[in-house]
């Protein structure tokens, strides 16, 4: 799915499996960098049929339950499909396999 990055002013094609979309807010799981598969959690906002990432996510508090639901789905996906990102001093999130 195409997500519009407002900061870099370009489109990103994100694997549907890594998107958790509600009615207004969503979550995209993305690698931290080109050579770094640590998973970053990115909040999306839907508007006029498109999804946007970057900048401030500003919407009505009505959508807080929608965001919580999508965050929980993303968290469950990581627990089932990603690897723990473990270092000698602890676990620091997840990384893509």
PDB file of N, CA and C in Angstrom:
ATOM      1  N   UNK A   1       0.848  -1.170   0.000  1.00  0.00           N
ATOM      2  CA  UNK A   1       0.000   0.000   0.000  1.00  0.00           C
ATOM      3  C   UNK A   1       0.893   1.233   0.000  1.00  0.00           C
ATOM      4  N   UNK A   2       0.452   2.240  -0.686  1.00  0.00           N
ATOM      5  CA  UNK A   2       1.192   3.496  -0.740  1.00  0.00           C
ATOM      6  C   UNK A   2       0.826   4.354   0.471  1.00  0.00           C
ATOM      7  N   UNK A   3       1.851   4.819   1.176  1.00  0.00           N
ATOM      8  CA  UNK A   3       1.699   5.749   2.291  1.00  0.00           C
ATOM      9  C   UNK A   3       2.512   6.985   1.932  1.00  0.00           C
ATOM     10  N   UNK A   4       1.952   8.141   2.172  1.00  0.00           N
ATOM     11  CA  UNK A   4       2.599   9.394   1.823  1.00  0.00           C
ATOM     12  C   UNK A   4       3.415   9.905   3.006  1.00  0.00           C
ATOM     13  N   UNK A   5       4.707  10.112   2.783  1.00  0.00           N
ATOM     14  CA  UNK A   5       5.595  10.619   3.820  1.00  0.00           C
ATOM     15  C   UNK A   5       5.635  12.139   3.697  1.00  0.00           C
ATOM     16  N   UNK A   6       5.000  12.824   4.628  1.00  0.00           N
ATOM     17  CA  UNK A   6       4.912  14.277   4.578  1.00  0.00           C
ATOM     18  C   UNK A   6       6.241  14.967   4.867  1.00  0.00           C
ATOM     19  N   UNK A   7       7.128  14.320   5.609  1.00  0.00           N
ATOM     20  CA  UNK A   7       8.411  14.930   5.932  1.00  0.00           C
ATOM     21  C   UNK A   7       9.340  14.909   4.719  1.00  0.00           C
ATOM     22  N   UNK A   8       9.434  13.755   4.070  1.00  0.00           N
ATOM     23  CA  UNK A   8      10.318  13.614   2.913  1.00  0.00           C
ATOM     24  C   UNK A   8       9.622  13.948   1.601  1.00  0.00           C
ATOM     25  N   UNK A   9       8.331  14.230   1.659  1.00  0.00           N
ATOM     26  CA  UNK A   9       7.531  14.572   0.483  1.00  0.00           C
ATOM     27  C   UNK A   9       7.667  13.525  -0.622  1.00  0.00           C
ATOM     28  N   UNK A  10       7.453  12.265  -0.240  1.00  0.00           N
ATOM     29  CA  UNK A  10       7.491  11.183  -1.216  1.00  0.00           C
ATOM     30  C   UNK A  10       6.579  10.057  -0.767  1.00  0.00           C
ATOM     31  N   UNK A  11       6.344   9.121  -1.675  1.00  0.00           N
ATOM     32  CA  UNK A  11       5.495   7.971  -1.388  1.00  0.00           C
ATOM     33  C   UNK A  11       6.348   6.794  -0.951  1.00  0.00           C
ATOM     34  N   UNK A  12       5.841   6.044   0.021  1.00  0.00           N
ATOM     35  CA  UNK A  12       6.472   4.806   0.444  1.00  0.00           C
ATOM     36  C   UNK A  12       5.518   3.663   0.128  1.00  0.00           C
ATOM     37  N   UNK A  13       6.034   2.592  -0.421  1.00  0.00           N
ATOM     38  CA  UNK A  13       5.242   1.393  -0.664  1.00  0.00           C
ATOM     39  C   UNK A  13       5.523   0.433   0.490  1.00  0.00           C
ATOM     40  N   UNK A  14       4.542   0.267   1.371  1.00  0.00           N
ATOM     41  CA  UNK A  14       4.720  -0.530   2.587  1.00  0.00           C
ATOM     42  C   UNK A  14       3.943  -1.840   2.457  1.00  0.00           C
ATOM     43  N   UNK A  15       4.592  -2.933   2.804  1.00  0.00           N
ATOM     44  CA  UNK A  15       3.964  -4.254   2.784  1.00  0.00           C
ATOM     45  C   UNK A  15       2.698  -4.246   3.635  1.00  0.00           C
ATOM     46  N   UNK A  16       1.595  -4.722   3.071  1.00  0.00           N
ATOM     47  CA  UNK A  16       0.320  -4.725   3.796  1.00  0.00           C
ATOM     48  C   UNK A  16       0.416  -5.437   5.140  1.00  0.00           C
ATOM     49  N   UNK A  17       1.243  -6.477   5.211  1.00  0.00           N
ATOM     50  CA  UNK A  17       1.396  -7.241   6.452  1.00  0.00           C
ATOM     51  C   UNK A  17       1.945  -6.367   7.583  1.00  0.00           C
ATOM     52  N   UNK A  18       2.599  -5.274   7.232  1.00  0.00           N
ATOM     53  CA  UNK A  18       3.202  -4.392   8.235  1.00  0.00           C
ATOM     54  C   UNK A  18       2.356  -3.152   8.507  1.00  0.00           C
ATOM     55  N   UNK A  19       1.118  -3.153   8.012  1.00  0.00           N
ATOM     56  CA  UNK A  19       0.183  -2.036   8.226  1.00  0.00           C
ATOM     57  C   UNK A  19      -1.000  -2.485   9.056  1.00  0.00           C
ATOM     58  N   UNK A  20      -1.388  -1.664   9.997  1.00  0.00           N
ATOM     59  CA  UNK A  20      -2.542  -1.931  10.857  1.00  0.00           C
ATOM     60  C   UNK A  20      -3.378  -0.660  10.825  1.00  0.00           C
ATOM     61  N   UNK A  21      -4.457  -0.688  10.022  1.00  0.00           N
ATOM     62  CA  UNK A  21      -5.207   0.523   9.735  1.00  0.00           C
ATOM     63  C   UNK A  21      -6.590   0.493  10.365  1.00  0.00           C
ATOM     64  N   UNK A  22      -6.919   1.554  11.065  1.00  0.00           N
ATOM     65  CA  UNK A  22      -8.255   1.708  11.621  1.00  0.00           C
ATOM     66  C   UNK A  22      -9.085   2.596  10.711  1.00  0.00           C
ATOM     67  N   UNK A  23     -10.076   3.254  11.271  1.00  0.00           N
ATOM     68  CA  UNK A  23     -10.916   4.144  10.483  1.00  0.00           C
ATOM     69  C   UNK A  23     -10.252   5.492  10.235  1.00  0.00           C
ATOM     70  N   UNK A  24      -9.407   5.944  11.148  1.00  0.00           N
ATOM     71  CA  UNK A  24      -8.746   7.247  11.006  1.00  0.00           C
ATOM     72  C   UNK A  24      -7.247   7.172  11.268  1.00  0.00           C
ATOM     73  N   UNK A  25      -6.850   6.300  12.183  1.00  0.00           N
ATOM     74  CA  UNK A  25      -5.446   6.188  12.571  1.00  0.00           C
ATOM     75  C   UNK A  25      -4.930   4.787  12.291  1.00  0.00           C
ATOM     76  N   UNK A  26      -3.639   4.698  12.090  1.00  0.00           N
ATOM     77  CA  UNK A  26      -3.038   3.405  11.819  1.00  0.00           C
ATOM     78  C   UNK A  26      -1.610   3.352  12.300  1.00  0.00           C
ATOM     79  N   UNK A  27      -1.023   2.174  12.114  1.00  0.00           N
ATOM     80  CA  UNK A  27       0.352   1.922  12.524  1.00  0.00           C
ATOM     81  C   UNK A  27       1.065   1.242  11.359  1.00  0.00           C
ATOM     82  N   UNK A  28       2.279   1.707  11.072  1.00  0.00           N
ATOM     83  CA  UNK A  28       3.151   1.056  10.095  1.00  0.00           C
ATOM     84  C   UNK A  28       4.402   0.598  10.824  1.00  0.00           C
ATOM     85  N   UNK A  29       4.776  -0.658  10.599  1.00  0.00           N
ATOM     86  CA  UNK A  29       6.026  -1.186  11.145  1.00  0.00           C
ATOM     87  C   UNK A  29       7.068  -1.133  10.037  1.00  0.00           C
ATOM     88  N   UNK A  30       8.153  -0.392  10.288  1.00  0.00           N
ATOM     89  CA  UNK A  30       9.170  -0.184   9.265  1.00  0.00           C
ATOM     90  C   UNK A  30      10.558  -0.454   9.835  1.00  0.00           C
ATOM     91  N   UNK A  31      11.492  -0.904   8.986  1.00  0.00           N
ATOM     92  CA  UNK A  31      12.867  -1.045   9.467  1.00  0.00           C
ATOM     93  C   UNK A  31      13.461   0.324   9.767  1.00  0.00           C
ATOM     94  N   UNK A  32      14.353   0.362  10.734  1.00  0.00           N
ATOM     95  CA  UNK A  32      14.966   1.623  11.147  1.00  0.00           C
ATOM     96  C   UNK A  32      15.847   2.205  10.043  1.00  0.00           C
ATOM     97  N   UNK A  33      16.457   1.375   9.255  1.00  0.00           N
ATOM     98  CA  UNK A  33      17.325   1.871   8.190  1.00  0.00           C
ATOM     99  C   UNK A  33      17.542   0.820   7.128  1.00  0.00           C
ATOM    100  N   UNK A  34      18.258   1.208   6.093  1.00  0.00           N
ATOM    101  CA  UNK A  34      18.498   0.302   4.970  1.00  0.00           C
ATOM    102  C   UNK A  34      19.232  -0.965   5.398  1.00  0.00           C
ATOM    103  N   UNK A  35      20.157  -0.837   6.331  1.00  0.00           N
ATOM    104  CA  UNK A  35      20.929  -1.989   6.812  1.00  0.00           C
ATOM    105  C   UNK A  35      20.633  -2.304   8.276  1.00  0.00           C
ATOM    106  N   UNK A  36      19.472  -1.887   8.745  1.00  0.00           N
ATOM    107  CA  UNK A  36      19.102  -2.070  10.157  1.00  0.00           C
ATOM    108  C   UNK A  36      17.660  -2.562  10.211  1.00  0.00           C
ATOM    109  N   UNK A  37      17.471  -3.836  10.550  1.00  0.00           N
ATOM    110  CA  UNK A  37      16.118  -4.405  10.538  1.00  0.00           C
ATOM    111  C   UNK A  37      15.359  -4.247  11.857  1.00  0.00           C
ATOM    112  N   UNK A  38      15.858  -3.388  12.765  1.00  0.00           N
ATOM    113  CA  UNK A  38      15.099  -3.071  13.981  1.00  0.00           C
ATOM    114  C   UNK A  38      13.775  -2.433  13.568  1.00  0.00           C
ATOM    115  N   UNK A  39      12.691  -2.852  14.188  1.00  0.00           N
ATOM    116  CA  UNK A  39      11.359  -2.365  13.820  1.00  0.00           C
ATOM    117  C   UNK A  39      11.061  -1.040  14.504  1.00  0.00           C
ATOM    118  N   UNK A  40      10.666  -0.058  13.699  1.00  0.00           N
ATOM    119  CA  UNK A  40      10.177   1.210  14.245  1.00  0.00           C
ATOM    120  C   UNK A  40       8.662   1.249  14.090  1.00  0.00           C
ATOM    121  N   UNK A  41       7.996   1.884  15.030  1.00  0.00           N
ATOM    122  CA  UNK A  41       6.535   2.009  15.039  1.00  0.00           C
ATOM    123  C   UNK A  41       6.188   3.426  14.597  1.00  0.00           C
ATOM    124  N   UNK A  42       5.444   3.536  13.513  1.00  0.00           N
ATOM    125  CA  UNK A  42       5.092   4.828  12.931  1.00  0.00           C
ATOM    126  C   UNK A  42       3.584   5.013  12.946  1.00  0.00           C
ATOM    127  N   UNK A  43       3.121   6.128  13.472  1.00  0.00           N
ATOM    128  CA  UNK A  43       1.695   6.430  13.535  1.00  0.00           C
ATOM    129  C   UNK A  43       1.272   7.061  12.212  1.00  0.00           C
ATOM    130  N   UNK A  44       0.188   6.547  11.641  1.00  0.00           N
ATOM    131  CA  UNK A  44      -0.363   7.056  10.385  1.00  0.00           C
ATOM    132  C   UNK A  44      -1.679   7.763  10.654  1.00  0.00           C
ATOM    133  N   UNK A  45      -2.016   8.683   9.785  1.00  0.00           N
ATOM    134  CA  UNK A  45      -3.330   9.314   9.843  1.00  0.00           C
ATOM    135  C   UNK A  45      -3.963   9.198   8.464  1.00  0.00           C
ATOM    136  N   UNK A  46      -5.223   8.804   8.443  1.00  0.00           N
ATOM    137  CA  UNK A  46      -5.956   8.675   7.194  1.00  0.00           C
ATOM    138  C   UNK A  46      -6.753   9.937   6.915  1.00  0.00           C
ATOM    139  N   UNK A  47      -6.713  10.358   5.646  1.00  0.00           N
ATOM    140  CA  UNK A  47      -7.455  11.551   5.261  1.00  0.00           C
ATOM    141  C   UNK A  47      -7.736  11.494   3.761  1.00  0.00           C
ATOM    142  N   UNK A  48      -8.968  11.747   3.395  1.00  0.00           N
ATOM    143  CA  UNK A  48      -9.375  11.792   1.979  1.00  0.00           C
ATOM    144  C   UNK A  48      -8.960  10.548   1.203  1.00  0.00           C
ATOM    145  N   UNK A  49      -9.067   9.373   1.831  1.00  0.00           N
ATOM    146  CA  UNK A  49      -8.791   8.115   1.152  1.00  0.00           C
ATOM    147  C   UNK A  49      -7.322   7.733   1.093  1.00  0.00           C
ATOM    148  N   UNK A  50      -6.432   8.553   1.675  1.00  0.00           N
ATOM    149  CA  UNK A  50      -5.007   8.236   1.683  1.00  0.00           C
ATOM    150  C   UNK A  50      -4.504   8.092   3.102  1.00  0.00           C
ATOM    151  N   UNK A  51      -3.305   7.537   3.238  1.00  0.00           N
ATOM    152  CA  UNK A  51      -2.660   7.384   4.541  1.00  0.00           C
ATOM    153  C   UNK A  51      -1.363   8.157   4.533  1.00  0.00           C
ATOM    154  N   UNK A  52      -1.094   8.867   5.636  1.00  0.00           N
ATOM    155  CA  UNK A  52       0.035   9.780   5.712  1.00  0.00           C
ATOM    156  C   UNK A  52       0.883   9.472   6.941  1.00  0.00           C
ATOM    157  N   UNK A  53       2.187   9.630   6.765  1.00  0.00           N
ATOM    158  CA  UNK A  53       3.143   9.420   7.833  1.00  0.00           C
ATOM    159  C   UNK A  53       4.033  10.662   7.918  1.00  0.00           C
ATOM    160  N   UNK A  54       4.464  10.980   9.106  1.00  0.00           N
ATOM    161  CA  UNK A  54       5.385  12.103   9.255  1.00  0.00           C
ATOM    162  C   UNK A  54       4.685  13.350   9.742  1.00  0.00           C
ATOM    163  N   UNK A  55       5.422  14.141  10.449  1.00  0.00           N
ATOM    164  CA  UNK A  55       4.848  15.365  10.992  1.00  0.00           C
ATOM    165  C   UNK A  55       3.979  15.059  12.193  1.00  0.00           C
ATOM    166  N   UNK A  56       3.181  15.991  12.562  1.00  0.00           N
ATOM    167  CA  UNK A  56       2.312  15.855  13.724  1.00  0.00           C
ATOM    168  C   UNK A  56       1.057  15.065  13.365  1.00  0.00           C
ATOM    169  N   UNK A  57       0.705  14.118  14.224  1.00  0.00           N
ATOM    170  CA  UNK A  57      -0.555  13.402  14.079  1.00  0.00           C
ATOM    171  C   UNK A  57      -1.556  14.133  14.952  1.00  0.00           C
ATOM    172  N   UNK A  58      -2.440  14.851  14.329  1.00  0.00           N
ATOM    173  CA  UNK A  58      -3.366  15.725  15.041  1.00  0.00           C
ATOM    174  C   UNK A  58      -4.786  15.365  14.631  1.00  0.00           C
ATOM    175  N   UNK A  59      -5.548  14.840  15.594  1.00  0.00           N
ATOM    176  CA  UNK A  59      -6.924  14.464  15.292  1.00  0.00           C
ATOM    177  C   UNK A  59      -7.749  14.540  16.578  1.00  0.00           C
ATOM    178  N   UNK A  60      -9.021  14.342  16.439  1.00  0.00           N
ATOM    179  CA  UNK A  60      -9.933  14.369  17.575  1.00  0.00           C
ATOM    180  C   UNK A  60      -9.609  13.236  18.555  1.00  0.00           C
ATOM    181  N   UNK A  61      -9.809  13.489  19.823  1.00  0.00           N
ATOM    182  CA  UNK A  61      -9.617  12.452  20.847  1.00  0.00           C
ATOM    183  C   UNK A  61     -10.600  11.299  20.666  1.00  0.00           C
ATOM    184  N   UNK A  62     -11.620  11.507  19.845  1.00  0.00           N
ATOM    185  CA  UNK A  62     -12.574  10.440  19.532  1.00  0.00           C
ATOM    186  C   UNK A  62     -11.849   9.198  19.018  1.00  0.00           C
ATOM    187  N   UNK A  63     -10.711   9.378  18.335  1.00  0.00           N
ATOM    188  CA  UNK A  63     -10.017   8.289  17.670  1.00  0.00           C
ATOM    189  C   UNK A  63      -9.014   7.553  18.548  1.00  0.00           C
ATOM    190  N   UNK A  64      -8.919   7.872  19.827  1.00  0.00           N
ATOM    191  CA  UNK A  64      -7.915   7.245  20.685  1.00  0.00           C
ATOM    192  C   UNK A  64      -8.110   5.724  20.783  1.00  0.00           C
ATOM    193  N   UNK A  65      -9.356   5.265  20.873  1.00  0.00           N
ATOM    194  CA  UNK A  65      -9.593   3.818  20.948  1.00  0.00           C
ATOM    195  C   UNK A  65      -9.185   3.126  19.649  1.00  0.00           C
ATOM    196  N   UNK A  66      -9.380   3.800  18.530  1.00  0.00           N
ATOM    197  CA  UNK A  66      -8.974   3.284  17.224  1.00  0.00           C
ATOM    198  C   UNK A  66      -7.455   3.092  17.192  1.00  0.00           C
ATOM    199  N   UNK A  67      -6.718   4.077  17.687  1.00  0.00           N
ATOM    200  CA  UNK A  67      -5.260   3.988  17.701  1.00  0.00           C
ATOM    201  C   UNK A  67      -4.785   2.882  18.638  1.00  0.00           C
ATOM    202  N   UNK A  68      -5.379   2.785  19.816  1.00  0.00           N
ATOM    203  CA  UNK A  68      -5.003   1.734  20.765  1.00  0.00           C
ATOM    204  C   UNK A  68      -5.214   0.361  20.146  1.00  0.00           C
ATOM    205  N   UNK A  69      -6.329   0.179  19.447  1.00  0.00           N
ATOM    206  CA  UNK A  69      -6.617  -1.106  18.795  1.00  0.00           C
ATOM    207  C   UNK A  69      -5.536  -1.443  17.764  1.00  0.00           C
ATOM    208  N   UNK A  70      -5.131  -0.477  16.968  1.00  0.00           N
ATOM    209  CA  UNK A  70      -4.120  -0.728  15.936  1.00  0.00           C
ATOM    210  C   UNK A  70      -2.749  -0.984  16.563  1.00  0.00           C
ATOM    211  N   UNK A  71      -2.418  -0.263  17.630  1.00  0.00           N
ATOM    212  CA  UNK A  71      -1.152  -0.514  18.334  1.00  0.00           C
ATOM    213  C   UNK A  71      -1.120  -1.922  18.919  1.00  0.00           C
ATOM    214  N   UNK A  72      -2.241  -2.371  19.482  1.00  0.00           N
ATOM    215  CA  UNK A  72      -2.310  -3.731  20.025  1.00  0.00           C
ATOM    216  C   UNK A  72      -2.146  -4.774  18.927  1.00  0.00           C
ATOM    217  N   UNK A  73      -2.751  -4.543  17.757  1.00  0.00           N
ATOM    218  CA  UNK A  73      -2.594  -5.473  16.634  1.00  0.00           C
ATOM    219  C   UNK A  73      -1.142  -5.531  16.179  1.00  0.00           C
ATOM    220  N   UNK A  74      -0.494  -4.368  16.096  1.00  0.00           N
ATOM    221  CA  UNK A  74       0.911  -4.320  15.687  1.00  0.00           C
ATOM    222  C   UNK A  74       1.790  -5.044  16.708  1.00  0.00           C
ATOM    223  N   UNK A  75       1.505  -4.841  17.978  1.00  0.00           N
ATOM    224  CA  UNK A  75       2.269  -5.495  19.039  1.00  0.00           C
ATOM    225  C   UNK A  75       2.123  -7.015  18.954  1.00  0.00           C
ATOM    226  N   UNK A  76       0.924  -7.492  18.756  1.00  0.00           N
ATOM    227  CA  UNK A  76       0.693  -8.936  18.627  1.00  0.00           C
ATOM    228  C   UNK A  76       1.410  -9.500  17.407  1.00  0.00           C
ATOM    229  N   UNK A  77       1.401  -8.748  16.293  1.00  0.00           N
ATOM    230  CA  UNK A  77       2.092  -9.205  15.086  1.00  0.00           C
ATOM    231  C   UNK A  77       3.578  -9.370  15.381  1.00  0.00           C
ATOM    232  N   UNK A  78       4.166  -8.388  16.049  1.00  0.00           N
ATOM    233  CA  UNK A  78       5.600  -8.465  16.361  1.00  0.00           C
ATOM    234  C   UNK A  78       5.897  -9.655  17.260  1.00  0.00           C
ATOM    235  N   UNK A  79       5.065  -9.904  18.261  1.00  0.00           N
ATOM    236  CA  UNK A  79       5.286 -11.034  19.169  1.00  0.00           C
ATOM    237  C   UNK A  79       5.274 -12.359  18.418  1.00  0.00           C
ATOM    238  N   UNK A  80       4.431 -12.464  17.378  1.00  0.00           N
ATOM    239  CA  UNK A  80       4.282 -13.720  16.638  1.00  0.00           C
ATOM    240  C   UNK A  80       5.220 -13.833  15.445  1.00  0.00           C
ATOM    241  N   UNK A  81       5.601 -12.721  14.821  1.00  0.00           N
ATOM    242  CA  UNK A  81       6.284 -12.765  13.536  1.00  0.00           C
ATOM    243  C   UNK A  81       7.671 -12.138  13.492  1.00  0.00           C
ATOM    244  N   UNK A  82       8.099 -11.509  14.549  1.00  0.00           N
ATOM    245  CA  UNK A  82       9.405 -10.846  14.559  1.00  0.00           C
ATOM    246  C   UNK A  82      10.307 -11.505  15.597  1.00  0.00           C
ATOM    247  N   UNK A  83      11.569 -11.128  15.558  1.00  0.00           N
ATOM    248  CA  UNK A  83      12.539 -11.644  16.514  1.00  0.00           C
ATOM    249  C   UNK A  83      12.801 -10.602  17.596  1.00  0.00           C
ATOM    250  N   UNK A  84      12.969 -11.034  18.835  1.00  0.00           N
ATOM    251  CA  UNK A  84      13.358 -10.078  19.870  1.00  0.00           C
ATOM    252  C   UNK A  84      14.708  -9.454  19.510  1.00  0.00           C
ATOM    253  N   UNK A  85      14.844  -8.172  19.715  1.00  0.00           N
ATOM    254  CA  UNK A  85      16.108  -7.474  19.469  1.00  0.00           C
ATOM    255  C   UNK A  85      16.842  -7.408  20.810  1.00  0.00           C
ATOM    256  N   UNK A  86      17.678  -8.426  21.050  1.00  0.00           N
ATOM    257  CA  UNK A  86      18.287  -8.645  22.367  1.00  0.00           C
ATOM    258  C   UNK A  86      19.762  -8.255  22.345  1.00  0.00           C
ATOM    259  N   UNK A  87      20.155  -7.585  23.409  1.00  0.00           N
ATOM    260  CA  UNK A  87      21.545  -7.183  23.637  1.00  0.00           C
ATOM    261  C   UNK A  87      21.933  -7.678  25.030  1.00  0.00           C
ATOM    262  N   UNK A  88      23.212  -7.643  25.375  1.00  0.00           N
ATOM    263  CA  UNK A  88      23.624  -8.142  26.696  1.00  0.00           C
ATOM    264  C   UNK A  88      22.887  -7.493  27.869  1.00  0.00           C
ATOM    265  N   UNK A  89      22.454  -6.255  27.705  1.00  0.00           N
ATOM    266  CA  UNK A  89      21.782  -5.576  28.816  1.00  0.00           C
ATOM    267  C   UNK A  89      20.255  -5.587  28.703  1.00  0.00           C
ATOM    268  N   UNK A  90      19.690  -6.388  27.808  1.00  0.00           N
ATOM    269  CA  UNK A  90      18.239  -6.521  27.758  1.00  0.00           C
ATOM    270  C   UNK A  90      17.663  -6.564  26.359  1.00  0.00           C
ATOM    271  N   UNK A  91      16.335  -6.679  26.317  1.00  0.00           N
ATOM    272  CA  UNK A  91      15.608  -6.701  25.044  1.00  0.00           C
ATOM    273  C   UNK A  91      15.142  -5.276  24.737  1.00  0.00           C
ATOM    274  N   UNK A  92      15.389  -4.861  23.501  1.00  0.00           N
ATOM    275  CA  UNK A  92      15.029  -3.501  23.108  1.00  0.00           C
ATOM    276  C   UNK A  92      14.144  -3.534  21.874  1.00  0.00           C
ATOM    277  N   UNK A  93      12.963  -4.094  22.024  1.00  0.00           N
ATOM    278  CA  UNK A  93      12.012  -4.162  20.921  1.00  0.00           C
ATOM    279  C   UNK A  93      12.191  -5.412  20.083  1.00  0.00           C
ATOM    280  N   UNK A  94      11.829  -5.269  18.826  1.00  0.00           N
ATOM    281  CA  UNK A  94      11.835  -6.403  17.886  1.00  0.00           C
ATOM    282  C   UNK A  94      12.564  -6.021  16.613  1.00  0.00           C
ATOM    283  N   UNK A  95      12.926  -7.053  15.829  1.00  0.00           N
ATOM    284  CA  UNK A  95      13.508  -6.824  14.519  1.00  0.00           C
ATOM    285  C   UNK A  95      12.855  -7.780  13.519  1.00  0.00           C
ATOM    286  N   UNK A  96      12.815  -7.353  12.266  1.00  0.00           N
ATOM    287  CA  UNK A  96      12.273  -8.208  11.214  1.00  0.00           C
ATOM    288  C   UNK A  96      13.173  -9.413  11.031  1.00  0.00           C
ATOM    289  N   UNK A  97      12.568 -10.551  10.684  1.00  0.00           N
ATOM    290  CA  UNK A  97      13.337 -11.781  10.438  1.00  0.00           C
ATOM    291  C   UNK A  97      14.107 -11.657   9.132  1.00  0.00           C
TER     292      UNK A  97
END
